[in-house]
Protein backbone atom coordinates (compact mmCIF):
# COMPACT_ATOMS: atom_id res chain seq x y z
CA UNK A 1 107.00 46.10 76.98
CA UNK A 2 108.37 42.70 77.51
CA UNK A 3 108.12 41.13 81.44
CA UNK A 4 111.32 41.11 82.29
CA UNK A 5 111.41 44.77 81.41
CA UNK A 6 108.55 45.82 84.30
CA UNK A 7 110.81 47.14 86.68
CA UNK A 8 112.68 49.59 84.27
CA UNK A 9 111.36 53.02 85.10
CA UNK A 10 110.16 55.40 82.04
CA UNK A 11 106.95 55.35 80.42
CA UNK A 12 105.02 53.36 82.68
CA UNK A 13 101.31 54.38 80.29
CA UNK A 14 99.30 50.87 79.63
CA UNK A 15 99.50 50.31 75.72
CA UNK A 16 97.86 47.23 75.39
CA UNK A 17 94.52 46.42 77.32
CA UNK A 18 92.82 42.30 76.67
CA UNK A 19 89.49 41.85 77.42
CA UNK A 20 88.88 38.64 78.14
CA UNK A 21 85.47 37.19 76.97
CA UNK A 22 82.46 38.88 75.43
CA UNK A 23 78.68 39.14 76.03
CA UNK A 24 77.17 41.90 77.73
CA UNK A 25 80.24 42.14 80.31
CA UNK A 26 83.09 42.37 77.69
CA UNK A 27 81.18 44.38 75.13
CA UNK A 28 80.78 46.83 77.78
CA UNK A 29 83.68 46.99 78.47
CA UNK A 30 85.28 47.10 75.67
CA UNK A 31 83.14 50.00 74.92
CA UNK A 32 83.72 52.07 77.65
CA UNK A 33 87.36 51.53 77.40
CA UNK A 34 87.51 52.68 74.07
CA UNK A 35 85.50 55.97 74.45
CA UNK A 36 87.77 56.18 77.35
CA UNK A 37 91.14 56.19 76.13
CA UNK A 38 90.58 57.49 72.96
CA UNK A 39 92.74 55.77 70.73
CA UNK A 40 95.15 55.74 73.24
CA UNK A 41 95.93 52.22 73.61
CA UNK A 42 95.32 49.16 71.24
CA UNK A 43 92.31 47.18 72.87
CA UNK A 44 91.88 43.71 72.00
CA UNK A 45 88.49 41.08 73.08
CA UNK A 46 89.09 37.44 73.13
CA UNK A 47 86.26 35.35 72.69
CA UNK A 48 84.77 32.57 71.11
CA UNK A 49 81.72 31.69 68.90
CA UNK A 50 82.02 27.79 70.98
CA UNK A 51 81.52 29.21 74.90
CA UNK A 52 77.93 30.55 74.97
CA UNK A 53 77.19 33.31 77.19
CA UNK A 54 74.76 33.45 80.01
CA UNK A 55 72.47 36.08 78.17
CA UNK A 56 69.28 35.83 80.28
CA UNK A 57 69.68 39.20 82.46
CA UNK A 58 67.02 41.07 80.36
CA UNK A 59 65.98 43.84 82.63
CA UNK A 60 68.04 46.84 84.39
CA UNK A 61 67.44 49.56 86.38
CA UNK A 62 67.65 53.25 85.72
CA UNK A 63 71.67 53.98 85.65
CA UNK A 64 71.61 52.14 82.41
CA UNK A 65 70.48 54.88 81.01
CA UNK A 66 73.65 57.19 81.76
CA UNK A 67 75.61 54.37 80.87
CA UNK A 68 74.83 54.62 77.22
CA UNK A 69 74.39 58.61 77.37
CA UNK A 70 78.19 58.80 78.37
CA UNK A 71 78.61 56.38 74.93
CA UNK A 72 76.78 58.60 73.06
CA UNK A 73 74.07 56.30 72.48
CA UNK A 74 70.63 57.55 70.86
CA UNK A 75 67.77 56.09 72.91
CA UNK A 76 65.83 55.13 70.44
CA UNK A 77 68.72 53.30 68.34
CA UNK A 78 69.65 51.13 70.88
CA UNK A 79 65.89 50.29 71.76
CA UNK A 80 65.12 49.39 67.88
CA UNK A 81 68.17 47.34 67.72
CA UNK A 82 67.66 45.64 71.16
CA UNK A 83 64.10 44.59 70.70
CA UNK A 84 63.76 46.33 73.68
CA UNK A 85 61.05 47.91 76.15
CA UNK A 86 60.71 50.35 79.03
CA UNK A 87 60.68 49.57 82.29
CA UNK A 88 59.09 51.69 85.32
CA UNK A 89 59.66 48.79 87.80
CA UNK A 90 58.93 45.60 89.39
CA UNK A 91 56.16 43.65 90.02
CA UNK A 92 56.16 41.75 93.37
CA UNK A 93 53.42 38.48 93.80
CA UNK A 94 52.93 35.83 96.78
CA UNK A 95 56.32 37.35 98.44
CA UNK A 96 55.07 38.84 101.37
CA UNK A 97 52.37 35.90 101.32
CA UNK A 98 50.53 34.19 99.57
CA UNK A 99 48.16 36.40 97.00
CA UNK A 100 50.20 39.82 98.03
CA UNK A 101 51.02 41.96 95.41
CA UNK A 102 53.35 45.35 95.33
CA UNK A 103 55.25 47.08 92.98
CA UNK A 104 58.76 48.45 93.72
CA UNK A 105 58.92 51.74 92.18
CA UNK A 106 61.74 54.21 89.72
CA UNK A 107 61.43 57.24 91.12
CA UNK A 108 60.14 58.83 94.00
CA UNK A 109 56.45 58.71 96.18
CA UNK A 110 54.40 61.89 95.06
CA UNK A 111 55.99 64.77 96.25
CA UNK A 112 57.12 65.73 100.09
CA UNK A 113 54.61 68.58 101.08
CA UNK A 114 56.95 69.50 103.88
CA UNK A 115 59.53 67.66 105.72
CA UNK A 116 58.30 65.13 107.43
CA UNK A 117 58.65 63.10 104.80
CA UNK A 118 55.15 61.26 102.52
CA UNK A 119 55.42 58.04 104.11
CA UNK A 120 55.23 59.00 107.38
CA UNK A 121 52.19 61.42 106.79
CA UNK A 122 50.70 57.97 105.18
CA UNK A 123 51.66 56.04 108.27
CA UNK A 124 49.44 58.56 110.35
CA UNK A 125 46.34 58.61 107.73
CA UNK A 126 46.47 54.50 108.18
CA UNK A 127 46.61 54.81 111.87
CA UNK A 128 43.37 57.02 111.63
CA UNK A 129 41.29 53.99 109.32
CA UNK A 130 42.32 55.53 105.82
CA UNK A 131 42.85 52.82 103.43
CA UNK A 132 44.64 53.69 100.71
CA UNK A 133 48.49 51.48 99.71
CA UNK A 134 51.55 53.28 99.16
CA UNK A 135 51.34 52.13 95.92
CA UNK A 136 48.66 54.50 95.00
CA UNK A 137 51.31 57.58 95.98
CA UNK A 138 53.77 56.51 93.30
CA UNK A 139 53.81 57.95 89.58
CA UNK A 140 55.40 54.87 88.46
CA UNK A 141 53.20 52.49 89.41
CA UNK A 142 49.93 54.74 88.25
CA UNK A 143 51.52 54.34 84.76
CA UNK A 144 52.52 51.05 84.67
CA UNK A 145 49.26 49.49 86.10
CA UNK A 146 47.63 51.56 83.78
CA UNK A 147 49.85 49.60 80.58
CA UNK A 148 51.43 53.45 80.10
CA UNK A 149 54.35 54.82 79.77
CA UNK A 150 56.06 58.02 78.68
CA UNK A 151 59.15 59.36 79.94
CA UNK A 152 59.58 61.82 83.02
CA UNK A 153 59.21 65.41 82.39
CA UNK A 154 61.97 67.55 83.51
CA UNK A 155 59.37 70.73 84.66
CA UNK A 156 60.14 69.48 88.88
CA UNK A 157 56.66 71.10 89.23
CA UNK A 158 55.26 68.38 87.55
CA UNK A 159 54.35 64.76 89.00
CA UNK A 160 55.34 62.98 86.02
CA UNK A 161 59.19 64.07 86.96
CA UNK A 162 58.90 62.10 89.88
CA UNK A 163 59.04 58.94 87.97
CA UNK A 164 62.16 56.79 86.40
CA UNK A 165 62.85 53.83 84.27
CA UNK A 166 64.78 51.87 82.57
CA UNK A 167 64.51 48.96 80.08
CA UNK A 168 64.02 45.09 78.85
CA UNK A 169 65.95 44.26 76.18
CA UNK A 170 67.37 40.97 74.42
CA UNK A 171 70.95 40.77 76.08
CA UNK A 172 72.53 39.12 73.13
CA UNK A 173 71.58 42.06 70.94
CA UNK A 174 72.92 44.33 73.15
CA UNK A 175 76.56 42.45 72.94
CA UNK A 176 75.61 42.81 69.17
CA UNK A 177 75.22 46.34 69.36
CA UNK A 178 78.19 47.31 71.75
CA UNK A 179 80.68 45.34 69.46
CA UNK A 180 79.74 47.12 66.68
CA UNK A 181 79.90 50.85 68.38
CA UNK A 182 83.47 48.96 70.13
CA UNK A 183 84.77 47.74 66.85
CA UNK A 184 84.24 51.20 65.12
CA UNK A 185 86.36 52.86 67.17
CA UNK A 186 89.59 50.30 67.15
CA UNK A 187 88.66 47.50 69.25
CA UNK A 188 89.80 44.26 67.63
CA UNK A 189 88.18 40.99 68.16
CA UNK A 190 90.01 37.91 68.64
CA UNK A 191 87.89 34.26 67.62
CA UNK A 192 89.31 31.49 70.02
CA UNK A 193 89.34 29.34 72.80
CA UNK A 194 91.59 30.39 75.45
CA UNK A 195 94.04 26.96 76.53
CA UNK A 196 96.72 29.14 78.56
CA UNK A 197 97.85 31.99 80.38
CA UNK A 198 101.03 33.59 80.69
CA UNK A 199 102.06 34.96 84.14
CA UNK A 200 105.40 36.43 85.35
CA UNK A 201 107.29 34.75 87.49
CA UNK A 202 108.90 37.28 89.23
CA UNK A 203 105.43 40.25 89.67
CA UNK A 204 102.90 37.41 89.38
CA UNK A 205 101.56 39.61 86.67
CA UNK A 206 99.17 38.35 83.63
CA UNK A 207 101.41 39.16 80.49
CA UNK A 208 99.22 37.13 77.53
CA UNK A 209 96.50 34.44 76.75
CA UNK A 210 96.71 31.79 74.13
CA UNK A 211 94.10 30.59 71.97
CA UNK A 212 93.45 27.23 70.72
CA UNK A 213 94.41 28.13 66.88
CA UNK A 214 98.16 29.48 68.51
CA UNK A 215 97.69 33.43 68.72
CA UNK A 216 98.72 34.83 71.51
CA UNK A 217 97.67 38.03 72.82
CA UNK A 218 99.77 40.44 74.55
CA UNK A 219 98.53 42.75 77.32
CA UNK A 220 99.53 45.17 79.79
CA UNK A 221 96.42 44.81 81.88
CA UNK A 222 93.63 42.35 81.42
CA UNK A 223 89.79 42.53 81.90
CA UNK A 224 88.52 39.21 82.87
CA UNK A 225 84.70 38.77 81.89
CA UNK A 226 85.00 34.93 81.22
CA UNK A 227 81.91 34.30 83.18
CA UNK A 228 81.22 32.11 86.33
CA UNK A 229 84.87 30.10 85.72
CA UNK A 230 86.79 33.29 86.02
CA UNK A 231 89.52 32.15 84.26
CA UNK A 232 92.19 34.77 84.77
CA UNK A 233 90.80 36.55 88.24
CA UNK A 234 90.27 32.56 90.10
CA UNK A 235 91.75 30.11 87.73
CA UNK A 236 95.13 31.89 87.21
CA UNK A 237 95.25 34.81 90.07
CA UNK A 238 93.32 32.02 93.12
CA UNK A 239 91.64 35.23 94.20
CA UNK A 240 89.23 33.38 96.06
CA UNK A 241 85.54 33.66 96.74
CA UNK A 242 82.71 33.81 99.61
CA UNK A 243 79.95 32.07 99.12
CA UNK A 244 76.46 34.12 100.24
CA UNK A 245 74.49 30.92 99.56
CA UNK A 246 73.35 30.87 103.39
CA UNK A 247 71.73 34.34 103.07
CA UNK A 248 70.32 33.83 99.12
CA UNK A 249 69.95 30.14 99.34
CA UNK A 250 68.79 30.10 95.77
CA UNK A 251 71.62 28.28 93.51
CA UNK A 252 69.79 27.37 90.06
CA UNK A 253 67.75 28.89 87.38
CA UNK A 254 65.78 27.30 84.72
CA UNK A 255 65.95 30.28 81.75
CA UNK A 256 63.07 30.16 78.37
CA UNK A 257 61.83 32.58 76.00
CA UNK A 258 58.05 32.13 75.07
CA UNK A 259 55.90 34.18 72.37
CA UNK A 260 54.72 38.09 72.84
CA UNK A 261 51.39 37.25 74.41
CA UNK A 262 49.30 38.93 77.12
CA UNK A 263 50.26 42.20 78.81
CA UNK A 264 52.91 44.13 77.29
CA UNK A 265 53.27 45.39 80.73
CA UNK A 266 56.41 48.34 81.18
CA UNK A 267 57.28 46.63 84.00
CA UNK A 268 59.02 43.32 84.89
CA UNK A 269 56.65 40.75 87.02
CA UNK A 270 58.62 38.56 89.85
CA UNK A 271 56.23 35.54 91.29
CA UNK A 272 57.25 34.00 94.06
CA UNK A 273 56.97 29.91 93.70
CA UNK A 274 57.62 26.72 96.23
CA UNK A 275 61.30 27.05 95.75
CA UNK A 276 62.79 30.28 94.57
CA UNK A 277 60.86 33.03 92.21
CA UNK A 278 59.86 32.99 88.19
CA UNK A 279 60.55 36.06 86.14
CA UNK A 280 58.80 37.52 83.00
CA UNK A 281 60.40 40.24 80.99
CA UNK A 282 58.24 41.19 77.98
CA UNK A 283 60.58 42.27 74.87
CA UNK A 284 58.89 43.68 71.74
CA UNK A 285 59.59 40.34 69.86
CA UNK A 286 59.56 37.63 73.10
CA UNK A 287 58.99 37.04 76.56
CA UNK A 288 61.87 36.30 78.66
CA UNK A 289 60.66 33.51 81.33
CA UNK A 290 62.98 32.05 84.13
CA UNK A 291 62.89 29.96 87.55
CA UNK A 292 65.51 31.40 89.51
CA UNK A 293 65.30 28.08 93.01
CA UNK A 294 67.12 26.39 95.21
CA UNK A 295 68.62 23.11 93.92
CA UNK A 296 68.14 21.62 97.83
CA UNK A 297 64.55 21.47 97.01
CA UNK A 298 63.29 21.21 94.00
CA UNK A 299 65.15 19.90 90.87
CA UNK A 300 66.10 20.98 87.35
CA UNK A 301 63.57 19.07 85.51
CA UNK A 302 61.19 19.77 88.16
CA UNK A 303 61.87 23.56 87.72
CA UNK A 304 61.54 23.64 84.46
CA UNK A 305 58.28 21.98 84.31
CA UNK A 306 56.62 24.94 86.69
CA UNK A 307 58.10 27.03 84.52
CA UNK A 308 56.80 25.79 81.58
CA UNK A 309 53.48 25.56 82.92
CA UNK A 310 53.10 29.16 83.54
CA UNK A 311 54.02 31.14 80.40
CA UNK A 312 51.99 33.31 78.14
CA UNK A 313 52.55 31.61 75.44
CA UNK A 314 54.44 28.52 73.94
CA UNK A 315 58.07 28.16 74.53
CA UNK A 316 60.28 29.36 71.80
CA UNK A 317 63.32 26.43 73.46
CA UNK A 318 63.99 24.49 75.34
CA UNK A 319 64.67 25.49 79.23
CA UNK A 320 68.29 26.46 79.78
CA UNK A 321 69.36 25.29 83.01
CA UNK A 322 71.73 27.69 85.01
CA UNK A 323 73.97 27.02 87.89
CA UNK A 324 75.69 29.53 90.14
CA UNK A 325 76.93 30.36 93.44
CA UNK A 326 75.52 33.77 95.12
CA UNK A 327 78.67 35.32 96.58
CA UNK A 328 81.31 37.55 95.20
CA UNK A 329 84.91 37.52 94.51
CA UNK A 330 87.43 38.23 97.74
CA UNK A 331 89.34 40.53 95.24
CA UNK A 332 87.79 41.98 92.09
CA UNK A 333 91.17 43.22 91.71
CA UNK A 334 94.47 41.19 91.44
CA UNK A 335 97.39 42.60 90.04
CA UNK A 336 97.02 43.48 86.73
CA UNK A 337 93.68 41.81 86.22
CA UNK A 338 90.08 43.14 87.31
CA UNK A 339 87.22 40.98 87.27
CA UNK A 340 83.64 41.90 85.77
CA UNK A 341 80.20 41.21 85.39
CA UNK A 342 79.49 37.63 86.12
CA UNK A 343 83.41 36.47 86.56
CA UNK A 344 83.70 38.91 89.89
CA UNK A 345 80.63 37.37 91.27
CA UNK A 346 77.17 36.43 91.09
CA UNK A 347 74.11 38.52 92.56
CA UNK A 348 70.66 36.85 91.85
CA UNK A 349 68.34 38.72 89.08
CA UNK A 350 65.89 39.31 91.93
CA UNK A 351 65.96 43.16 91.41
CA UNK A 352 68.26 43.30 87.82
CA UNK A 353 71.54 44.35 89.11
CA UNK A 354 73.78 42.32 86.91
CA UNK A 355 74.30 44.93 84.08
CA UNK A 356 74.62 48.06 86.43
CA UNK A 357 77.09 45.97 88.45
CA UNK A 358 78.98 45.35 84.81
CA UNK A 359 78.15 49.17 84.63
CA UNK A 360 79.72 50.47 88.28
CA UNK A 361 82.82 47.93 87.60
CA UNK A 362 83.95 49.42 84.75
CA UNK A 363 83.04 53.45 85.37
CA UNK A 364 85.17 52.40 88.44
CA UNK A 365 87.85 51.24 86.66
CA UNK A 366 87.72 53.99 84.76
CA UNK A 367 88.44 56.53 87.31
CA UNK A 368 90.79 54.22 89.14
CA UNK A 369 92.58 53.25 85.68
CA UNK A 370 96.19 52.34 86.73
CA UNK A 371 99.75 52.28 84.86
CA UNK A 372 101.43 49.18 84.15
CA UNK A 373 102.38 48.80 88.02
CA UNK A 374 98.72 48.71 89.55
CA UNK A 375 99.30 50.69 92.75
CA UNK A 376 98.23 48.53 95.44
CA UNK A 377 96.63 51.58 97.30
CA UNK A 378 94.40 52.48 93.63
CA UNK A 379 93.79 48.11 93.94
CA UNK A 380 92.58 48.61 97.47
CA UNK A 381 90.31 51.09 97.00
CA UNK A 382 88.66 49.71 93.86
CA UNK A 383 88.36 46.22 95.85
CA UNK A 384 86.74 48.18 99.26
CA UNK A 385 84.33 50.45 97.07
CA UNK A 386 83.37 47.36 94.92
CA UNK A 387 83.02 44.99 98.00
CA UNK A 388 80.78 47.47 99.90
CA UNK A 389 78.64 47.76 96.49
CA UNK A 390 77.89 44.05 96.63
CA UNK A 391 77.09 43.92 99.98
CA UNK A 392 74.69 46.53 100.28
CA UNK A 393 72.95 44.67 97.07
CA UNK A 394 73.05 41.52 98.70
CA UNK A 395 71.71 43.32 102.37
CA UNK A 396 68.45 44.81 99.57
CA UNK A 397 68.27 40.95 98.38
CA UNK A 398 68.13 39.42 101.58
CA UNK A 399 65.01 41.88 102.78
CA UNK A 400 62.94 40.09 100.28
CA UNK A 401 63.76 36.46 101.96
CA UNK A 402 63.33 37.21 105.46
CA UNK A 403 60.80 39.66 105.06
CA UNK A 404 58.08 36.93 104.34
CA UNK A 405 55.05 35.78 106.75
CA UNK A 406 54.97 32.50 104.64
CA UNK A 407 56.06 28.90 106.07
CA UNK A 408 53.93 26.69 103.66
CA UNK A 409 56.99 25.23 101.69
CA UNK A 410 60.96 24.07 103.46
CA UNK A 411 62.54 27.39 101.31
CA UNK A 412 60.37 29.96 102.94
CA UNK A 413 60.40 28.38 106.29
CA UNK A 414 64.23 28.66 105.94
CA UNK A 415 64.51 32.27 105.07
CA UNK A 416 61.78 33.38 107.45
CA UNK A 417 64.08 31.66 110.47
CA UNK A 418 67.38 32.65 109.00
CA UNK A 419 70.16 34.73 110.57
CA UNK A 420 70.86 37.65 108.58
CA UNK A 421 73.88 40.31 108.85
CA UNK A 422 73.77 43.25 111.59
CA UNK A 423 73.38 45.78 109.16
CA UNK A 424 70.34 44.56 107.42
CA UNK A 425 68.76 43.77 110.91
CA UNK A 426 69.64 47.11 112.20
CA UNK A 427 67.67 48.98 108.96
CA UNK A 428 64.69 46.64 109.73
CA UNK A 429 64.79 47.32 113.34
CA UNK A 430 64.56 51.11 112.62
CA UNK A 431 62.06 50.91 109.57
CA UNK A 432 59.86 48.72 112.11
CA UNK A 433 60.19 50.74 115.56
CA UNK A 434 59.31 54.44 113.43
CA UNK A 435 58.69 54.50 109.76
CA UNK A 436 62.97 55.49 110.07
CA UNK A 437 64.44 54.37 106.68
CA UNK A 438 68.19 53.91 107.27
CA UNK A 439 70.47 54.15 104.02
CA UNK A 440 73.55 55.44 103.01
CA UNK A 441 73.68 58.04 99.86
CA UNK A 442 76.08 55.93 98.17
CA UNK A 443 73.53 52.85 98.24
CA UNK A 444 72.23 51.48 94.87
CA UNK A 445 68.93 51.37 96.59
CA UNK A 446 67.89 54.61 98.43
CA UNK A 447 64.73 55.11 100.50
CA UNK A 448 62.34 54.78 97.37
CA UNK A 449 62.96 51.11 97.21
CA UNK A 450 63.59 50.32 100.90
CA UNK A 451 60.09 51.15 101.72
CA UNK A 452 58.79 49.63 98.59
CA UNK A 453 59.98 45.92 99.96
CA UNK A 454 59.30 46.92 104.09
CA UNK A 455 55.56 48.06 103.51
CA UNK A 456 55.20 45.43 100.12
CA UNK A 457 56.19 42.42 102.42
CA UNK A 458 54.53 43.73 105.46
CA UNK A 459 57.47 44.83 107.63
CA UNK A 460 55.09 47.21 109.13
CA UNK A 461 56.04 50.65 111.68
CA UNK A 462 54.62 50.27 115.55
CA UNK A 463 53.90 53.99 114.76
CA UNK A 464 55.09 57.08 112.53
CA UNK A 465 56.39 60.32 113.11
CA UNK A 466 56.17 61.59 116.78
CA UNK A 467 56.29 65.41 115.71
CA UNK A 468 53.37 64.62 113.90
CA UNK A 469 50.74 64.99 116.73
CA UNK A 470 52.33 67.84 118.40
CA UNK A 471 51.53 69.93 115.15
CA UNK A 472 47.81 71.71 115.17
CA UNK A 473 45.65 69.27 112.37
CA UNK A 474 47.02 70.64 108.97
CA UNK A 475 45.78 69.29 105.25
CA UNK A 476 48.07 66.45 104.88
CA UNK A 477 44.90 64.11 103.97
CA UNK A 478 43.60 67.10 101.04
CA UNK A 479 47.62 66.57 99.87
CA UNK A 480 47.17 62.85 99.78
CA UNK A 481 44.07 62.78 97.89
CA UNK A 482 45.42 65.42 95.53
CA UNK A 483 48.67 63.78 94.71
CA UNK A 484 46.05 60.22 94.33
CA UNK A 485 44.24 62.23 92.00
CA UNK A 486 46.73 63.85 90.22
CA UNK A 487 48.84 60.73 89.16
CA UNK A 488 45.41 59.13 87.91
CA UNK A 489 44.99 61.94 85.54
CA UNK A 490 48.73 62.00 84.39
CA UNK A 491 49.06 58.45 84.08
CA UNK A 492 45.48 58.81 81.78
CA UNK A 493 47.21 61.14 79.75
CA UNK A 494 50.14 59.05 78.74
CA UNK A 495 49.97 57.18 75.59
CA UNK A 496 50.18 52.79 76.39
CA UNK A 497 53.39 51.66 76.30
CA UNK A 498 52.81 49.50 73.13
CA UNK A 499 52.07 52.73 71.30
CA UNK A 500 54.84 54.78 72.46
CA UNK A 501 57.39 52.15 71.31
CA UNK A 502 55.66 52.12 68.00
CA UNK A 503 55.75 56.21 67.80
CA UNK A 504 59.56 56.22 68.96
CA UNK A 505 61.11 53.18 69.02
CA UNK A 506 59.89 50.22 66.92
CA UNK A 507 62.22 47.41 66.23
CA UNK A 508 61.99 45.85 63.01
CA UNK A 509 60.43 42.50 62.36
CA UNK A 510 62.63 39.60 62.80
C-alpha cells in the first residue's frame, strides 16, 4: 500500500517489516518476528558488511534460555554453534573494597525453612558470632567455585533445583546462527549501506530506506537495530536521548580476545580497577576481555595497556575501542519505528543485560504488535514498560558503584558521593535498617540479586527480623549447617564445567 493510501480504511495489516541493521539485535529480531508472523508478512533485514557490529556482549542472564526455547532451538546446537560455555553468575572482585570478593549467583540462596527469609536467619547467626558468608548458601556458587556445572534438577526437593544458569558465547557466531534460522523461515537479507530514509510528509511515518547500491526497501513497519547512531529512531525521527552519565560515569571501553588459558570458569568475572572495571568471559575457543572505564580519569591508550597487562594469555587482536553514552531514548517506539538493542539505549555490560534488553524489546513488540496505523495507546504502553525496565536496571547497576568504601581513586570517590535516584536510595535505606529487600515483582533482578550486591559490597543491616527474637530458640543453626553440607556434596557430584561441555555440546575446533 502506498503512503498516500495510508488513511484509507480497509486492510490495515502489516505486510512488510524492515529491520535496519544486523548483529545480535537485528538477527534476534528477524528470527523472533519470522517465528511470530509465520509467513504472514515479508521481513527484510538491511545490513552492510562494511559496518562492524559492537559484538562484545558475550555474557547473558538466565532468561536467554526462554528466548532460544521459544524459537525451538536446542541448547546443545546453540552452544556448539557459538563456541559457548555456561554461566552460573558473576564474581565481583575489588568492588566494595580493595581485596574483597563476592558472587552474584543465578538462582536462590538455599531453601526457606519457614516464612522468615533465609538471609534473616543468617543475619541473626552472624550477630551471634557465626563466620559463614552468604555465598556459602548458594548452590550456584558451590558449583562455580569448584569449577563444576550441571543444569538445575527438576525435583524441587533437591538443592540442585535452586540454581539457574545462562551462557557465554561469541556474539558474532550467535548472529550467524540466528541468520541461518531466520533465512530458513523466509527473511530476506539485503546487503548495502543505507544512504537515505524516506518519510511520509503527512503522517511522519518512515516509508522506505535507500541503499548505496540504489535499492529501495519499502516497509509498513521498521525495527531500528542500527546501533548507537539510531539511524531511524534518532537521526530521522529525533526521538531524543536521556543521558545517565552522572549516575553511570563510565563512557568508554576497550575490548580484546585472548587465548583460552587459566581456569575454565562457569561464571563471568568483573574486576574493579582504578577508573572502571574489567570483564573476563571464558568461551570454548578463547576468552573475551574488556575494560569499561571513565574517560575523565583514564585515556584509551592507558586503558588498553592495563587490559593487556591483565590477560590470561596473549591477545589475539589489537584492543578495540568503544565509545558510548549510558542512557535511553526518550521514545523507544515513535511513529512506525521501534528501536531495539543499542539503538534504544545503552546500559553498560556490568550485569550482562544488553542481550536481555534486546530479548524483552522483541517480546514486548510481539505482545503489542500493531497494524499499519500504530495506535498511540499501544505505542505509549510499549514506551512506558520499556522505560520502567531501563530505570530499574539502571538503579541496580548504580548500586554497584554507590555501595563502596573505596576512596583510592577519583572515580570511586565520585561514586561514593554522587546523588542517586530516590527509588534506589529508598531501597538501600530499607535494607540497611532491617535487611528488608524492596523489589517489584516485575523487576528483572529479584531479591537474591539485590541481596548478593548489598551484602557483597558491605551494605549490612543494622539488625535482623525482630520476630526471630520473639520465637523460642529453634534449630536454625542446624538447618544452616545442613544446607552448607548438602551444597558441598551436590557440587562435588557434578561434572567439571569442561567435562560437561565435552560430553554434551563441544564445538568443532576452529
